[in-house]
């Protein structure tokens, strides 16, 4: 009897955990969709809901982004810079390699008047994103890497911005605008790459099934 009761409790706990995980993933996906189309109040509500459920949540493969990065980027988009800075610093405290969060922290600092410190973070974030894209597209060029930034639009923009930074003649409006564009563009690219990869797998599967 005790064994049966324990099994029922265990199954119930597993069921609840599965429901919570699905709700968490749903919040993040809804937040991303809202962020991409500019519904930032809606997006930040979803992201903060997800952060309350699991503050250590990471989204995506191969590009992994922490939930606090998403919170920070939407707070930034809403112009709430102190809240954005707090969330982005928290994201980087969890993962120092999170280059999109680093880029947005730099943008936040620049808009708060701390331009020199902000420029350092912007440069580090841009270089990190560029390096990651180069690695993915080269090391995995025969698999999922071929679907990331195939036109080099993202990397070309980053290269132009890094050249401007190294030249010390900073066009701040352009640099900040490009950084904000990149924050959304990388989300769109992530979805596009997954879609293209899925379509490629489907074509290969169909081709295999047609073989005698």
Protein backbone atom coordinates (compact mmCIF):
# COMPACT_ATOMS: atom_id res chain seq x y z
CA UNK A 1 0.00 0.00 0.00
CA UNK A 2 2.79 2.41 0.94
CA UNK A 3 4.61 1.54 -2.30
CA UNK A 4 1.50 2.31 -4.37
CA UNK A 5 0.96 5.62 -2.58
CA UNK A 6 4.61 6.61 -3.09
CA UNK A 7 4.35 5.84 -6.80
CA UNK A 8 1.21 7.97 -7.10
CA UNK A 9 2.93 10.88 -5.35
CA UNK A 10 6.00 10.52 -7.55
CA UNK A 11 3.92 10.47 -10.74
CA UNK A 12 1.99 13.53 -9.55
CA UNK A 13 5.24 15.42 -8.86
CA UNK A 14 6.57 14.48 -12.30
CA UNK A 15 3.31 15.66 -13.88
CA UNK A 16 3.49 19.00 -12.07
CA UNK A 17 7.15 19.44 -13.04
CA UNK A 18 6.28 18.81 -16.67
CA UNK A 19 3.45 21.34 -16.55
CA UNK A 20 5.73 23.95 -14.94
CA UNK A 21 8.42 23.38 -17.57
CA UNK A 22 5.88 23.77 -20.37
CA UNK A 23 4.52 26.96 -18.85
CA UNK A 24 8.04 28.35 -18.45
CA UNK A 25 8.94 27.58 -22.07
CA UNK A 26 5.62 29.09 -23.16
CA UNK A 27 6.36 32.33 -21.31
CA UNK A 28 9.78 32.64 -22.96
CA UNK A 29 8.49 31.86 -26.45
CA UNK A 30 5.63 34.34 -26.06
CA UNK A 31 8.05 36.93 -24.74
CA UNK A 32 10.40 36.46 -27.67
CA UNK A 33 7.60 36.85 -30.20
CA UNK A 34 6.41 40.03 -28.50
CA UNK A 35 9.96 41.42 -28.27
CA UNK A 36 10.66 40.84 -31.97
CA UNK A 37 7.55 42.77 -33.07
CA UNK A 38 8.08 45.58 -30.56
CA UNK A 39 5.42 44.75 -27.97
CA UNK A 40 7.88 45.35 -25.17
CA UNK A 41 5.48 45.76 -22.22
CA UNK A 42 3.96 42.41 -23.10
CA UNK A 43 7.39 40.87 -23.62
CA UNK A 44 8.85 41.98 -20.31
CA UNK A 45 5.81 40.64 -18.44
CA UNK A 46 6.38 37.21 -19.97
CA UNK A 47 10.12 37.30 -19.33
CA UNK A 48 9.76 38.39 -15.71
CA UNK A 49 7.15 35.67 -15.19
CA UNK A 50 9.66 33.14 -16.54
CA UNK A 51 12.44 34.56 -14.34
CA UNK A 52 10.26 34.14 -11.25
CA UNK A 53 9.68 30.50 -12.14
CA UNK A 54 13.35 29.78 -12.87
CA UNK A 55 15.92 32.61 -12.58
CA UNK A 56 18.61 30.31 -14.02
CA UNK A 57 16.68 29.42 -17.18
CA UNK A 58 18.55 29.37 -20.50
CA UNK A 59 16.85 29.43 -23.88
CA UNK A 60 18.01 28.01 -27.18
CA UNK A 61 20.58 25.85 -28.87
CA UNK A 62 23.23 26.40 -30.09
CA UNK A 63 22.87 30.05 -29.03
CA UNK A 64 22.03 29.92 -25.32
CA UNK A 65 20.64 33.04 -23.68
CA UNK A 66 19.73 33.47 -20.04
CA UNK A 67 16.34 34.75 -18.98
CA UNK A 68 17.87 37.85 -17.37
CA UNK A 69 19.36 38.85 -20.70
CA UNK A 70 15.84 38.89 -22.14
CA UNK A 71 14.52 40.86 -19.17
CA UNK A 72 17.32 43.39 -19.53
CA UNK A 73 16.89 43.85 -23.25
CA UNK A 74 13.16 44.49 -23.00
CA UNK A 75 13.61 46.89 -20.08
CA UNK A 76 16.17 48.70 -22.24
CA UNK A 77 13.70 48.84 -25.15
CA UNK A 78 11.15 50.39 -22.78
CA UNK A 79 13.68 53.04 -21.73
CA UNK A 80 13.86 51.77 -18.14
CA UNK A 81 17.64 51.90 -18.00
CA UNK A 82 18.25 51.24 -14.28
CA UNK A 83 16.11 48.09 -14.45
CA UNK A 84 17.85 47.08 -17.69
CA UNK A 85 21.29 47.53 -16.16
CA UNK A 86 20.40 45.49 -13.08
CA UNK A 87 19.05 42.60 -15.17
CA UNK A 88 21.93 42.62 -17.65
CA UNK A 89 24.54 42.67 -14.89
CA UNK A 90 22.74 39.73 -13.33
CA UNK A 91 22.83 37.90 -16.67
CA UNK A 92 26.57 38.42 -16.97
CA UNK A 93 27.18 37.40 -13.37
CA UNK A 94 25.60 34.06 -14.29
CA UNK A 95 27.38 33.71 -17.64
CA UNK A 96 30.27 36.02 -18.54
CA UNK A 97 30.23 34.67 -22.12
CA UNK A 98 26.74 36.00 -22.84
CA UNK A 99 27.75 38.49 -25.48
CA UNK A 100 24.29 39.81 -26.37
CA UNK A 101 23.75 40.76 -22.72
CA UNK A 102 27.21 42.41 -22.75
CA UNK A 103 26.32 44.40 -25.87
CA UNK A 104 23.08 45.62 -24.29
CA UNK A 105 24.81 46.47 -21.03
CA UNK A 106 27.15 48.65 -23.08
CA UNK A 107 24.22 50.33 -24.82
CA UNK A 108 22.58 50.93 -21.46
CA UNK A 109 25.72 52.45 -19.96
CA UNK A 110 26.20 54.67 -23.00
CA UNK A 111 22.64 55.97 -22.75
CA UNK A 112 23.16 56.59 -19.03
CA UNK A 113 26.12 58.86 -19.84
CA UNK A 114 28.90 56.36 -19.04
CA UNK A 115 30.14 56.26 -22.60
CA UNK A 116 33.70 55.07 -22.09
CA UNK A 117 32.65 52.15 -19.94
CA UNK A 118 29.75 51.50 -22.28
CA UNK A 119 32.00 51.50 -25.33
CA UNK A 120 34.20 48.81 -23.78
CA UNK A 121 31.18 46.57 -23.19
CA UNK A 122 29.73 47.25 -26.65
CA UNK A 123 33.04 46.36 -28.29
CA UNK A 124 33.36 43.18 -26.21
CA UNK A 125 29.80 42.13 -27.00
CA UNK A 126 30.15 42.78 -30.73
CA UNK A 127 33.45 40.92 -30.93
CA UNK A 128 32.00 37.99 -29.02
CA UNK A 129 28.91 37.70 -31.24
CA UNK A 130 31.06 37.94 -34.36
CA UNK A 131 33.46 35.28 -33.08
CA UNK A 132 30.57 32.97 -32.20
CA UNK A 133 29.04 33.33 -35.68
CA UNK A 134 32.40 32.69 -37.33
CA UNK A 135 32.87 29.55 -35.27
CA UNK A 136 29.37 28.22 -35.92
CA UNK A 137 29.45 28.88 -39.65
CA UNK A 138 32.90 27.32 -40.08
CA UNK A 139 33.00 24.45 -37.57
CA UNK A 140 29.44 23.35 -38.40
CA UNK A 141 29.23 24.51 -42.02
CA UNK A 142 27.98 21.13 -43.23
CA UNK A 143 25.18 21.00 -40.64
CA UNK A 144 23.28 23.74 -38.79
CA UNK A 145 26.05 26.32 -39.22
CA UNK A 146 25.17 26.83 -42.88
CA UNK A 147 21.86 28.42 -41.89
CA UNK A 148 23.32 31.13 -39.65
CA UNK A 149 23.96 34.53 -41.23
CA UNK A 150 24.39 33.07 -44.75
CA UNK A 151 24.52 36.54 -46.35
CA UNK A 152 26.98 37.78 -43.67
CA UNK A 153 24.66 40.73 -43.02
CA UNK A 154 25.11 40.47 -39.26
CA UNK A 155 28.87 39.96 -39.36
CA UNK A 156 29.38 42.74 -41.91
CA UNK A 157 27.49 45.20 -39.70
CA UNK A 158 29.54 44.14 -36.68
CA UNK A 159 32.80 44.46 -38.63
CA UNK A 160 31.84 47.98 -39.68
CA UNK A 161 31.04 48.96 -36.10
CA UNK A 162 34.24 47.44 -34.72
CA UNK A 163 36.25 49.33 -37.34
CA UNK A 164 34.53 52.55 -36.28
CA UNK A 165 35.32 51.86 -32.62
CA UNK A 166 38.98 51.12 -33.34
CA UNK A 167 39.21 54.35 -35.34
CA UNK A 168 38.10 56.32 -32.26
CA UNK A 169 35.70 58.45 -34.34
CA UNK A 170 32.50 57.22 -32.75
CA UNK A 171 29.14 57.94 -34.37
CA UNK A 172 27.07 57.20 -31.30
CA UNK A 173 23.67 57.36 -32.96
CA UNK A 174 24.77 54.83 -35.58
CA UNK A 175 26.50 52.58 -33.07
CA UNK A 176 23.54 52.47 -30.70
CA UNK A 177 21.08 52.00 -33.56
CA UNK A 178 23.09 49.11 -34.97
CA UNK A 179 23.33 47.51 -31.53
CA UNK A 180 19.58 47.68 -31.03
CA UNK A 181 19.03 46.26 -34.53
CA UNK A 182 21.41 43.41 -33.77
CA UNK A 183 19.54 42.50 -30.58
CA UNK A 184 16.37 41.76 -32.55
CA UNK A 185 18.11 40.47 -35.67
CA UNK A 186 19.88 37.72 -33.76
CA UNK A 187 16.52 36.50 -32.44
CA UNK A 188 15.07 36.44 -35.95
CA UNK A 189 18.18 34.66 -37.22
CA UNK A 190 17.88 32.02 -34.52
CA UNK A 191 14.30 31.24 -35.54
CA UNK A 192 15.17 31.31 -39.24
CA UNK A 193 18.13 28.96 -38.79
CA UNK A 194 16.01 26.45 -36.85
CA UNK A 195 13.30 26.60 -39.53
CA UNK A 196 15.77 26.07 -42.36
CA UNK A 197 17.45 23.22 -40.51
CA UNK A 198 14.07 21.56 -39.91
CA UNK A 199 13.17 21.88 -43.59
CA UNK A 200 16.51 20.37 -44.59
CA UNK A 201 15.97 17.39 -42.27
CA UNK A 202 12.49 16.92 -43.74
CA UNK A 203 13.84 16.91 -47.30
CA UNK A 204 16.57 14.44 -46.37
CA UNK A 205 14.04 12.20 -44.62
CA UNK A 206 11.73 12.28 -47.62
CA UNK A 207 14.65 11.47 -49.91
CA UNK A 208 15.68 8.53 -47.75
CA UNK A 209 12.15 7.15 -47.70
CA UNK A 210 12.00 7.28 -51.52
CA UNK A 211 15.09 5.10 -51.90
CA UNK A 212 14.44 1.48 -52.93
